[in-house]
Full PDB file with SEQRES, HELIX, SHEET, SSBOND, CRYST1, ORIGX, SCALE, CONECT and MASTER records, all heavy atoms in Angstrom:
SEQRES   1 A   41  ASP ARG GLY TRP GLU VAL GLU VAL ARG GLU ARG HIS ALA          
SEQRES   2 A   41  GLY PRO PRO ASP ILE GLY GLY ALA LEU GLY MET TRP PRO          
SEQRES   3 A   41  PRO ALA LEU GLU ALA LEU ASP ARG LEU GLY LEU GLY ASP          
SEQRES   4 A   41  ALA VAL                                                      
HELIX    1 AA1 PRO A   26  ARG A   34  1                                   9    
CRYST1    1.000    1.000    1.000  90.00  90.00  90.00 P 1           1          
ORIGX1      1.000000  0.000000  0.000000        0.00000                         
ORIGX2      0.000000  1.000000  0.000000        0.00000                         
ORIGX3      0.000000  0.000000  1.000000        0.00000                         
SCALE1      1.000000  0.000000  0.000000        0.00000                         
SCALE2      0.000000  1.000000  0.000000        0.00000                         
SCALE3      0.000000  0.000000  1.000000        0.00000                         
ATOM      1  N   ASP A   1     128.081  89.636  42.970  1.00  0.00           N  
ATOM      2  CA  ASP A   1     128.970  88.494  43.173  1.00  0.00           C  
ATOM      3  C   ASP A   1     130.424  88.839  42.959  1.00  0.00           C  
ATOM      4  O   ASP A   1     131.325  88.142  43.533  1.00  0.00           O  
ATOM      5  CB  ASP A   1     128.576  87.370  42.200  1.00  0.00           C  
ATOM      6  CG  ASP A   1     127.303  86.694  42.632  1.00  0.00           C  
ATOM      7  OD1 ASP A   1     126.841  86.816  43.761  1.00  0.00           O  
ATOM      8  OD2 ASP A   1     126.672  85.933  41.741  1.00  0.00           O  
ATOM      9  N   ARG A   2     130.730  89.867  42.174  1.00  0.00           N  
ATOM     10  CA  ARG A   2     132.116  90.265  41.857  1.00  0.00           C  
ATOM     11  C   ARG A   2     132.573  91.327  42.832  1.00  0.00           C  
ATOM     12  O   ARG A   2     133.615  91.906  42.616  1.00  0.00           O  
ATOM     13  CB  ARG A   2     132.185  90.779  40.437  1.00  0.00           C  
ATOM     14  CG  ARG A   2     131.866  89.736  39.371  1.00  0.00           C  
ATOM     15  CD  ARG A   2     132.963  88.783  39.162  1.00  0.00           C  
ATOM     16  NE  ARG A   2     132.626  87.778  38.123  1.00  0.00           N  
ATOM     17  CZ  ARG A   2     133.499  86.993  37.570  1.00  0.00           C  
ATOM     18  NH1 ARG A   2     134.746  87.050  37.900  1.00  0.00           N  
ATOM     19  NH2 ARG A   2     133.145  86.114  36.673  1.00  0.00           N  
ATOM     20  N   GLY A   3     131.770  91.640  43.891  1.00  0.00           N  
ATOM     21  CA  GLY A   3     132.214  92.582  44.868  1.00  0.00           C  
ATOM     22  C   GLY A   3     131.809  94.033  44.583  1.00  0.00           C  
ATOM     23  O   GLY A   3     132.305  94.952  45.303  1.00  0.00           O  
ATOM     24  N   TRP A   4     131.037  94.271  43.588  1.00  0.00           N  
ATOM     25  CA  TRP A   4     130.577  95.662  43.260  1.00  0.00           C  
ATOM     26  C   TRP A   4     129.468  96.085  44.216  1.00  0.00           C  
ATOM     27  O   TRP A   4     128.699  95.282  44.676  1.00  0.00           O  
ATOM     28  CB  TRP A   4     130.116  95.717  41.813  1.00  0.00           C  
ATOM     29  CG  TRP A   4     131.212  95.800  40.834  1.00  0.00           C  
ATOM     30  CD1 TRP A   4     132.133  94.876  40.567  1.00  0.00           C  
ATOM     31  CD2 TRP A   4     131.496  96.919  40.004  1.00  0.00           C  
ATOM     32  NE1 TRP A   4     132.997  95.291  39.622  1.00  0.00           N  
ATOM     33  CE2 TRP A   4     132.651  96.548  39.219  1.00  0.00           C  
ATOM     34  CE3 TRP A   4     130.941  98.133  39.761  1.00  0.00           C  
ATOM     35  CZ2 TRP A   4     133.196  97.397  38.282  1.00  0.00           C  
ATOM     36  CZ3 TRP A   4     131.465  98.998  38.818  1.00  0.00           C  
ATOM     37  CH2 TRP A   4     132.604  98.629  38.097  1.00  0.00           C  
ATOM     38  N   GLU A   5     129.394  97.395  44.413  1.00  0.00           N  
ATOM     39  CA  GLU A   5     128.213  98.020  45.042  1.00  0.00           C  
ATOM     40  C   GLU A   5     127.266  98.361  43.890  1.00  0.00           C  
ATOM     41  O   GLU A   5     127.659  98.874  42.869  1.00  0.00           O  
ATOM     42  CB  GLU A   5     128.605  99.344  45.735  1.00  0.00           C  
ATOM     43  CG  GLU A   5     129.499  99.152  46.952  1.00  0.00           C  
ATOM     44  CD  GLU A   5     129.850 100.493  47.572  1.00  0.00           C  
ATOM     45  OE1 GLU A   5     128.957 101.398  47.600  1.00  0.00           O  
ATOM     46  OE2 GLU A   5     130.935 100.607  48.060  1.00  0.00           O  
ATOM     47  N   VAL A   6     126.014  97.981  44.043  1.00  0.00           N  
ATOM     48  CA  VAL A   6     125.027  98.050  42.968  1.00  0.00           C  
ATOM     49  C   VAL A   6     123.749  98.778  43.450  1.00  0.00           C  
ATOM     50  O   VAL A   6     123.229  98.409  44.500  1.00  0.00           O  
ATOM     51  CB  VAL A   6     124.717  96.683  42.388  1.00  0.00           C  
ATOM     52  CG1 VAL A   6     123.672  96.781  41.273  1.00  0.00           C  
ATOM     53  CG2 VAL A   6     125.966  95.986  41.836  1.00  0.00           C  
ATOM     54  N   GLU A   7     123.255  99.624  42.635  1.00  0.00           N  
ATOM     55  CA  GLU A   7     121.910 100.200  42.817  1.00  0.00           C  
ATOM     56  C   GLU A   7     121.126 100.072  41.522  1.00  0.00           C  
ATOM     57  O   GLU A   7     121.617 100.444  40.445  1.00  0.00           O  
ATOM     58  CB  GLU A   7     122.044 101.661  43.241  1.00  0.00           C  
ATOM     59  CG  GLU A   7     120.706 102.355  43.468  1.00  0.00           C  
ATOM     60  CD  GLU A   7     120.850 103.829  43.819  1.00  0.00           C  
ATOM     61  OE1 GLU A   7     121.646 104.115  44.757  1.00  0.00           O  
ATOM     62  OE2 GLU A   7     120.165 104.657  43.188  1.00  0.00           O  
ATOM     63  N   VAL A   8     119.952  99.514  41.626  1.00  0.00           N  
ATOM     64  CA  VAL A   8     119.080  99.375  40.480  1.00  0.00           C  
ATOM     65  C   VAL A   8     117.926 100.392  40.644  1.00  0.00           C  
ATOM     66  O   VAL A   8     117.276 100.416  41.739  1.00  0.00           O  
ATOM     67  CB  VAL A   8     118.497  97.957  40.330  1.00  0.00           C  
ATOM     68  CG1 VAL A   8     117.634  97.828  39.116  1.00  0.00           C  
ATOM     69  CG2 VAL A   8     119.631  96.929  40.286  1.00  0.00           C  
ATOM     70  N   ARG A   9     117.605 101.135  39.606  1.00  0.00           N  
ATOM     71  CA  ARG A   9     116.489 102.022  39.606  1.00  0.00           C  
ATOM     72  C   ARG A   9     115.460 101.611  38.550  1.00  0.00           C  
ATOM     73  O   ARG A   9     115.851 101.453  37.419  1.00  0.00           O  
ATOM     74  CB  ARG A   9     116.893 103.453  39.391  1.00  0.00           C  
ATOM     75  CG  ARG A   9     117.846 103.991  40.506  1.00  0.00           C  
ATOM     76  CD  ARG A   9     118.224 105.447  40.347  1.00  0.00           C  
ATOM     77  NE  ARG A   9     119.214 105.838  41.301  1.00  0.00           N  
ATOM     78  CZ  ARG A   9     119.831 107.045  41.330  1.00  0.00           C  
ATOM     79  NH1 ARG A   9     119.351 107.988  40.502  1.00  0.00           N  
ATOM     80  NH2 ARG A   9     120.756 107.277  42.216  1.00  0.00           N  
ATOM     81  N   GLU A  10     114.228 101.459  38.974  1.00  0.00           N  
ATOM     82  CA  GLU A  10     113.187 100.974  38.050  1.00  0.00           C  
ATOM     83  C   GLU A  10     111.964 101.859  38.239  1.00  0.00           C  
ATOM     84  O   GLU A  10     111.537 102.123  39.350  1.00  0.00           O  
ATOM     85  CB  GLU A  10     112.848  99.523  38.381  1.00  0.00           C  
ATOM     86  CG  GLU A  10     111.560  99.001  37.771  1.00  0.00           C  
ATOM     87  CD  GLU A  10     111.521  99.125  36.256  1.00  0.00           C  
ATOM     88  OE1 GLU A  10     112.490  98.757  35.576  1.00  0.00           O  
ATOM     89  OE2 GLU A  10     110.478  99.606  35.736  1.00  0.00           O  
ATOM     90  N   ARG A  11     111.400 102.321  37.114  1.00  0.00           N  
ATOM     91  CA  ARG A  11     110.309 103.220  37.177  1.00  0.00           C  
ATOM     92  C   ARG A  11     108.977 102.587  37.611  1.00  0.00           C  
ATOM     93  O   ARG A  11     108.098 103.249  38.128  1.00  0.00           O  
ATOM     94  CB  ARG A  11     110.064 103.955  35.837  1.00  0.00           C  
ATOM     95  CG  ARG A  11     109.736 103.034  34.712  1.00  0.00           C  
ATOM     96  CD  ARG A  11     109.761 103.794  33.366  1.00  0.00           C  
ATOM     97  NE  ARG A  11     109.426 102.943  32.219  1.00  0.00           N  
ATOM     98  CZ  ARG A  11     108.211 102.765  31.764  1.00  0.00           C  
ATOM     99  NH1 ARG A  11     107.154 103.391  32.290  1.00  0.00           N  
ATOM    100  NH2 ARG A  11     108.016 101.993  30.704  1.00  0.00           N  
ATOM    101  N   HIS A  12     108.839 101.256  37.436  1.00  0.00           N  
ATOM    102  CA  HIS A  12     107.654 100.550  37.848  1.00  0.00           C  
ATOM    103  C   HIS A  12     107.712 100.260  39.357  1.00  0.00           C  
ATOM    104  O   HIS A  12     108.746 100.252  39.948  1.00  0.00           O  
ATOM    105  CB  HIS A  12     107.478  99.285  37.035  1.00  0.00           C  
ATOM    106  CG  HIS A  12     107.151  99.499  35.612  1.00  0.00           C  
ATOM    107  ND1 HIS A  12     108.060  99.464  34.592  1.00  0.00           N  
ATOM    108  CD2 HIS A  12     105.961  99.837  34.991  1.00  0.00           C  
ATOM    109  CE1 HIS A  12     107.514  99.704  33.429  1.00  0.00           C  
ATOM    110  NE2 HIS A  12     106.219  99.963  33.655  1.00  0.00           N  
ATOM    111  N   ALA A  13     106.503  99.840  39.870  1.00  0.00           N  
ATOM    112  CA  ALA A  13     106.437  99.597  41.287  1.00  0.00           C  
ATOM    113  C   ALA A  13     106.971  98.183  41.625  1.00  0.00           C  
ATOM    114  O   ALA A  13     107.145  97.850  42.796  1.00  0.00           O  
ATOM    115  CB  ALA A  13     104.981  99.668  41.756  1.00  0.00           C  
ATOM    116  N   GLY A  14     107.207  97.343  40.665  1.00  0.00           N  
ATOM    117  CA  GLY A  14     107.731  95.998  40.846  1.00  0.00           C  
ATOM    118  C   GLY A  14     108.277  95.522  39.526  1.00  0.00           C  
ATOM    119  O   GLY A  14     108.320  96.207  38.559  1.00  0.00           O  
ATOM    120  N   PRO A  15     108.789  94.242  39.563  1.00  0.00           N  
ATOM    121  CA  PRO A  15     109.331  93.711  38.271  1.00  0.00           C  
ATOM    122  C   PRO A  15     108.335  93.786  37.163  1.00  0.00           C  
ATOM    123  O   PRO A  15     107.200  93.363  37.281  1.00  0.00           O  
ATOM    124  CB  PRO A  15     109.597  92.235  38.639  1.00  0.00           C  
ATOM    125  CG  PRO A  15     109.804  92.260  40.084  1.00  0.00           C  
ATOM    126  CD  PRO A  15     108.862  93.299  40.665  1.00  0.00           C  
ATOM    127  N   PRO A  16     108.695  94.448  36.064  1.00  0.00           N  
ATOM    128  CA  PRO A  16     107.752  94.639  34.955  1.00  0.00           C  
ATOM    129  C   PRO A  16     107.406  93.276  34.324  1.00  0.00           C  
ATOM    130  O   PRO A  16     108.343  92.544  33.851  1.00  0.00           O  
ATOM    131  CB  PRO A  16     108.504  95.531  33.961  1.00  0.00           C  
ATOM    132  CG  PRO A  16     109.927  95.406  34.323  1.00  0.00           C  
ATOM    133  CD  PRO A  16     110.008  95.097  35.785  1.00  0.00           C  
ATOM    134  N   ASP A  17     106.178  92.905  34.362  1.00  0.00           N  
ATOM    135  CA  ASP A  17     105.791  91.572  33.881  1.00  0.00           C  
ATOM    136  C   ASP A  17     104.658  91.688  32.842  1.00  0.00           C  
ATOM    137  O   ASP A  17     103.569  92.130  33.176  1.00  0.00           O  
ATOM    138  CB  ASP A  17     105.295  90.695  35.067  1.00  0.00           C  
ATOM    139  CG  ASP A  17     104.887  89.317  34.602  1.00  0.00           C  
ATOM    140  OD1 ASP A  17     105.270  88.915  33.533  1.00  0.00           O  
ATOM    141  OD2 ASP A  17     104.173  88.667  35.396  1.00  0.00           O  
ATOM    142  N   ILE A  18     104.963  91.321  31.627  1.00  0.00           N  
ATOM    143  CA  ILE A  18     103.928  91.358  30.602  1.00  0.00           C  
ATOM    144  C   ILE A  18     103.446  89.888  30.313  1.00  0.00           C  
ATOM    145  O   ILE A  18     102.710  89.642  29.387  1.00  0.00           O  
ATOM    146  CB  ILE A  18     104.488  91.965  29.289  1.00  0.00           C  
ATOM    147  CG1 ILE A  18     105.703  91.198  28.790  1.00  0.00           C  
ATOM    148  CG2 ILE A  18     104.758  93.436  29.483  1.00  0.00           C  
ATOM    149  CD1 ILE A  18     106.211  91.678  27.438  1.00  0.00           C  
ATOM    150  N   GLY A  19     103.815  88.968  31.196  1.00  0.00           N  
ATOM    151  CA  GLY A  19     103.294  87.593  31.125  1.00  0.00           C  
ATOM    152  C   GLY A  19     103.928  86.754  30.087  1.00  0.00           C  
ATOM    153  O   GLY A  19     104.913  87.147  29.402  1.00  0.00           O  
ATOM    154  N   GLY A  20     103.405  85.561  29.897  1.00  0.00           N  
ATOM    155  CA  GLY A  20     103.870  84.655  28.911  1.00  0.00           C  
ATOM    156  C   GLY A  20     105.063  83.833  29.319  1.00  0.00           C  
ATOM    157  O   GLY A  20     105.582  83.979  30.451  1.00  0.00           O  
ATOM    158  N   ALA A  21     105.573  82.996  28.403  1.00  0.00           N  
ATOM    159  CA  ALA A  21     106.710  82.136  28.647  1.00  0.00           C  
ATOM    160  C   ALA A  21     107.901  82.590  27.864  1.00  0.00           C  
ATOM    161  O   ALA A  21     107.757  83.183  26.768  1.00  0.00           O  
ATOM    162  CB  ALA A  21     106.357  80.682  28.319  1.00  0.00           C  
ATOM    163  N   LEU A  22     109.103  82.276  28.373  1.00  0.00           N  
ATOM    164  CA  LEU A  22     110.367  82.630  27.710  1.00  0.00           C  
ATOM    165  C   LEU A  22     111.153  81.347  27.484  1.00  0.00           C  
ATOM    166  O   LEU A  22     111.196  80.505  28.343  1.00  0.00           O  
ATOM    167  CB  LEU A  22     111.138  83.586  28.633  1.00  0.00           C  
ATOM    168  CG  LEU A  22     110.452  84.918  28.968  1.00  0.00           C  
ATOM    169  CD1 LEU A  22     111.224  85.619  30.063  1.00  0.00           C  
ATOM    170  CD2 LEU A  22     110.333  85.783  27.710  1.00  0.00           C  
ATOM    171  N   GLY A  23     111.834  81.287  26.349  1.00  0.00           N  
ATOM    172  CA  GLY A  23     112.667  80.154  26.075  1.00  0.00           C  
ATOM    173  C   GLY A  23     114.012  80.341  26.661  1.00  0.00           C  
ATOM    174  O   GLY A  23     114.796  81.270  26.297  1.00  0.00           O  
ATOM    175  N   MET A  24     114.401  79.471  27.553  1.00  0.00           N  
ATOM    176  CA  MET A  24     115.776  79.455  28.150  1.00  0.00           C  
ATOM    177  C   MET A  24     116.605  78.448  27.381  1.00  0.00           C  
ATOM    178  O   MET A  24     116.636  77.260  27.644  1.00  0.00           O  
ATOM    179  CB  MET A  24     115.725  79.080  29.633  1.00  0.00           C  
ATOM    180  CG  MET A  24     114.964  80.104  30.497  1.00  0.00           C  
ATOM    181  SD  MET A  24     115.841  81.661  30.657  1.00  0.00           S  
ATOM    182  CE  MET A  24     114.972  82.705  29.467  1.00  0.00           C  
ATOM    183  N   TRP A  25     117.301  78.933  26.324  1.00  0.00           N  
ATOM    184  CA  TRP A  25     118.164  78.084  25.515  1.00  0.00           C  
ATOM    185  C   TRP A  25     119.473  77.802  26.289  1.00  0.00           C  
ATOM    186  O   TRP A  25     119.739  78.498  27.302  1.00  0.00           O  
ATOM    187  CB  TRP A  25     118.506  78.800  24.228  1.00  0.00           C  
ATOM    188  CG  TRP A  25     117.257  78.901  23.309  1.00  0.00           C  
ATOM    189  CD1 TRP A  25     116.352  79.931  23.291  1.00  0.00           C  
ATOM    190  CD2 TRP A  25     116.768  77.908  22.405  1.00  0.00           C  
ATOM    191  NE1 TRP A  25     115.371  79.696  22.406  1.00  0.00           N  
ATOM    192  CE2 TRP A  25     115.570  78.469  21.826  1.00  0.00           C  
ATOM    193  CE3 TRP A  25     117.192  76.654  22.016  1.00  0.00           C  
ATOM    194  CZ2 TRP A  25     114.820  77.749  20.864  1.00  0.00           C  
ATOM    195  CZ3 TRP A  25     116.429  75.974  21.047  1.00  0.00           C  
ATOM    196  CH2 TRP A  25     115.286  76.497  20.487  1.00  0.00           C  
ATOM    197  N   PRO A  26     120.251  76.808  25.868  1.00  0.00           N  
ATOM    198  CA  PRO A  26     121.490  76.484  26.545  1.00  0.00           C  
ATOM    199  C   PRO A  26     122.330  77.714  26.974  1.00  0.00           C  
ATOM    200  O   PRO A  26     122.877  77.782  28.084  1.00  0.00           O  
ATOM    201  CB  PRO A  26     122.188  75.498  25.668  1.00  0.00           C  
ATOM    202  CG  PRO A  26     121.052  74.806  24.973  1.00  0.00           C  
ATOM    203  CD  PRO A  26     120.000  75.894  24.773  1.00  0.00           C  
ATOM    204  N   PRO A  27     122.574  78.679  26.039  1.00  0.00           N  
ATOM    205  CA  PRO A  27     123.427  79.845  26.465  1.00  0.00           C  
ATOM    206  C   PRO A  27     122.844  80.581  27.656  1.00  0.00           C  
ATOM    207  O   PRO A  27     123.594  81.102  28.503  1.00  0.00           O  
ATOM    208  CB  PRO A  27     123.465  80.721  25.211  1.00  0.00           C  
ATOM    209  CG  PRO A  27     123.258  79.793  24.075  1.00  0.00           C  
ATOM    210  CD  PRO A  27     122.269  78.760  24.598  1.00  0.00           C  
ATOM    211  N   ALA A  28     121.521  80.726  27.724  1.00  0.00           N  
ATOM    212  CA  ALA A  28     120.836  81.368  28.835  1.00  0.00           C  
ATOM    213  C   ALA A  28     121.056  80.598  30.121  1.00  0.00           C  
ATOM    214  O   ALA A  28     121.352  81.211  31.153  1.00  0.00           O  
ATOM    215  CB  ALA A  28     119.394  81.599  28.564  1.00  0.00           C  
ATOM    216  N   LEU A  29     120.890  79.280  30.078  1.00  0.00           N  
ATOM    217  CA  LEU A  29     121.067  78.485  31.279  1.00  0.00           C  
ATOM    218  C   LEU A  29     122.530  78.495  31.738  1.00  0.00           C  
ATOM    219  O   LEU A  29     122.790  78.539  32.951  1.00  0.00           O  
ATOM    220  CB  LEU A  29     120.607  77.040  30.978  1.00  0.00           C  
ATOM    221  CG  LEU A  29     119.055  76.893  30.786  1.00  0.00           C  
ATOM    222  CD1 LEU A  29     118.738  75.506  30.289  1.00  0.00           C  
ATOM    223  CD2 LEU A  29     118.321  77.183  32.060  1.00  0.00           C  
ATOM    224  N   GLU A  30     123.452  78.521  30.811  1.00  0.00           N  
ATOM    225  CA  GLU A  30     124.885  78.675  31.163  1.00  0.00           C  
ATOM    226  C   GLU A  30     125.108  79.959  31.863  1.00  0.00           C  
ATOM    227  O   GLU A  30     125.861  80.086  32.860  1.00  0.00           O  
ATOM    228  CB  GLU A  30     125.740  78.506  29.985  1.00  0.00           C  
ATOM    229  CG  GLU A  30     125.727  77.139  29.344  1.00  0.00           C  
ATOM    230  CD  GLU A  30     126.398  77.062  27.978  1.00  0.00           C  
ATOM    231  OE1 GLU A  30     126.960  78.110  27.546  1.00  0.00           O  
ATOM    232  OE2 GLU A  30     126.300  76.029  27.302  1.00  0.00           O  
ATOM    233  N   ALA A  31     124.507  81.101  31.336  1.00  0.00           N  
ATOM    234  CA  ALA A  31     124.632  82.374  31.981  1.00  0.00           C  
ATOM    235  C   ALA A  31     124.053  82.339  33.387  1.00  0.00           C  
ATOM    236  O   ALA A  31     124.650  82.915  34.331  1.00  0.00           O  
ATOM    237  CB  ALA A  31     123.984  83.417  31.126  1.00  0.00           C  
ATOM    238  N   LEU A  32     122.888  81.730  33.507  1.00  0.00           N  
ATOM    239  CA  LEU A  32     122.248  81.658  34.841  1.00  0.00           C  
ATOM    240  C   LEU A  32     123.118  80.817  35.813  1.00  0.00           C  
ATOM    241  O   LEU A  32     123.169  81.106  37.002  1.00  0.00           O  
ATOM    242  CB  LEU A  32     120.868  81.057  34.735  1.00  0.00           C  
ATOM    243  CG  LEU A  32     119.807  81.963  34.092  1.00  0.00           C  
ATOM    244  CD1 LEU A  32     118.570  81.201  33.577  1.00  0.00           C  
ATOM    245  CD2 LEU A  32     119.378  83.015  35.118  1.00  0.00           C  
ATOM    246  N   ASP A  33     123.762  79.830  35.303  1.00  0.00           N  
ATOM    247  CA  ASP A  33     124.675  79.024  36.104  1.00  0.00           C  
ATOM    248  C   ASP A  33     125.792  79.912  36.677  1.00  0.00           C  
ATOM    249  O   ASP A  33     126.211  79.794  37.834  1.00  0.00           O  
ATOM    250  CB  ASP A  33     125.268  77.858  35.367  1.00  0.00           C  
ATOM    251  CG  ASP A  33     124.304  76.713  35.171  1.00  0.00           C  
ATOM    252  OD1 ASP A  33     123.354  76.550  35.955  1.00  0.00           O  
ATOM    253  OD2 ASP A  33     124.462  75.933  34.202  1.00  0.00           O  
ATOM    254  N   ARG A  34     126.339  80.791  35.815  1.00  0.00           N  
ATOM    255  CA  ARG A  34     127.386  81.657  36.210  1.00  0.00           C  
ATOM    256  C   ARG A  34     126.898  82.687  37.305  1.00  0.00           C  
ATOM    257  O   ARG A  34     127.709  83.150  38.133  1.00  0.00           O  
ATOM    258  CB  ARG A  34     127.998  82.433  35.029  1.00  0.00           C  
ATOM    259  CG  ARG A  34     128.764  81.544  34.075  1.00  0.00           C  
ATOM    260  CD  ARG A  34     129.769  82.282  33.301  1.00  0.00           C  
ATOM    261  NE  ARG A  34     129.220  83.306  32.445  1.00  0.00           N  
ATOM    262  CZ  ARG A  34     128.708  83.080  31.226  1.00  0.00           C  
ATOM    263  NH1 ARG A  34     128.741  81.854  30.706  1.00  0.00           N  
ATOM    264  NH2 ARG A  34     128.220  84.079  30.473  1.00  0.00           N  
ATOM    265  N   LEU A  35     125.638  82.962  37.295  1.00  0.00           N  
ATOM    266  CA  LEU A  35     125.035  83.829  38.283  1.00  0.00           C  
ATOM    267  C   LEU A  35     124.544  83.050  39.535  1.00  0.00           C  
ATOM    268  O   LEU A  35     123.985  83.682  40.477  1.00  0.00           O  
ATOM    269  CB  LEU A  35     123.829  84.584  37.661  1.00  0.00           C  
ATOM    270  CG  LEU A  35     124.155  85.461  36.471  1.00  0.00           C  
ATOM    271  CD1 LEU A  35     122.828  86.025  35.901  1.00  0.00           C  
ATOM    272  CD2 LEU A  35     125.118  86.596  36.846  1.00  0.00           C  
ATOM    273  N   GLY A  36     124.710  81.748  39.520  1.00  0.00           N  
ATOM    274  CA  GLY A  36     124.290  80.908  40.647  1.00  0.00           C  
ATOM    275  C   GLY A  36     122.800  80.681  40.694  1.00  0.00           C  
ATOM    276  O   GLY A  36     122.284  80.252  41.720  1.00  0.00           O  
ATOM    277  N   LEU A  37     122.090  80.848  39.557  1.00  0.00           N  
ATOM    278  CA  LEU A  37     120.645  80.738  39.574  1.00  0.00           C  
ATOM    279  C   LEU A  37     120.145  79.683  38.589  1.00  0.00           C  
ATOM    280  O   LEU A  37     118.926  79.515  38.445  1.00  0.00           O  
ATOM    281  CB  LEU A  37     120.005  82.085  39.193  1.00  0.00           C  
ATOM    282  CG  LEU A  37     120.389  83.260  40.092  1.00  0.00           C  
ATOM    283  CD1 LEU A  37     119.845  84.550  39.547  1.00  0.00           C  
ATOM    284  CD2 LEU A  37     119.918  83.041  41.500  1.00  0.00           C  
ATOM    285  N   GLY A  38     121.020  78.942  37.931  1.00  0.00           N  
ATOM    286  CA  GLY A  38     120.623  77.965  36.982  1.00  0.00           C  
ATOM    287  C   GLY A  38     119.731  76.881  37.530  1.00  0.00           C  
ATOM    288  O   GLY A  38     118.679  76.573  36.937  1.00  0.00           O  
ATOM    289  N   ASP A  39     120.051  76.347  38.700  1.00  0.00           N  
ATOM    290  CA  ASP A  39     119.217  75.242  39.243  1.00  0.00           C  
ATOM    291  C   ASP A  39     117.837  75.736  39.648  1.00  0.00           C  
ATOM    292  O   ASP A  39     116.851  75.018  39.451  1.00  0.00           O  
ATOM    293  CB  ASP A  39     119.920  74.639  40.524  1.00  0.00           C  
ATOM    294  CG  ASP A  39     121.174  73.859  40.146  1.00  0.00           C  
ATOM    295  OD1 ASP A  39     121.306  73.441  38.927  1.00  0.00           O  
ATOM    296  OD2 ASP A  39     121.973  73.625  41.022  1.00  0.00           O  
ATOM    297  N   ALA A  40     117.743  76.945  40.106  1.00  0.00           N  
ATOM    298  CA  ALA A  40     116.426  77.473  40.472  1.00  0.00           C  
ATOM    299  C   ALA A  40     115.551  77.615  39.281  1.00  0.00           C  
ATOM    300  O   ALA A  40     114.342  77.325  39.281  1.00  0.00           O  
ATOM    301  CB  ALA A  40     116.597  78.848  41.185  1.00  0.00           C  
ATOM    302  N   VAL A  41     116.112  78.035  38.114  1.00  0.00           N  
ATOM    303  CA  VAL A  41     115.341  78.226  36.895  1.00  0.00           C  
ATOM    304  C   VAL A  41     114.984  76.840  36.355  1.00  0.00           C  
ATOM    305  O   VAL A  41     113.883  76.627  35.855  1.00  0.00           O  
ATOM    306  CB  VAL A  41     116.105  79.062  35.875  1.00  0.00           C  
ATOM    307  CG1 VAL A  41     115.393  79.066  34.513  1.00  0.00           C  
ATOM    308  CG2 VAL A  41     116.220  80.481  36.419  1.00  0.00           C  
TER     309      VAL A  41                                                      
MASTER        0    0    0    1    0    0    0    6  308    1    0    4          
END                                                                             
């Protein structure tokens, strides 16, 4: 979003998922808003 070129390298075949639920406290939702993803979450 800030105009950077980005490459992500991950050793797993897809997003590492160990299951379960995560608590999205207000600071996390504010961070997601800054990333444009708050409403989706």
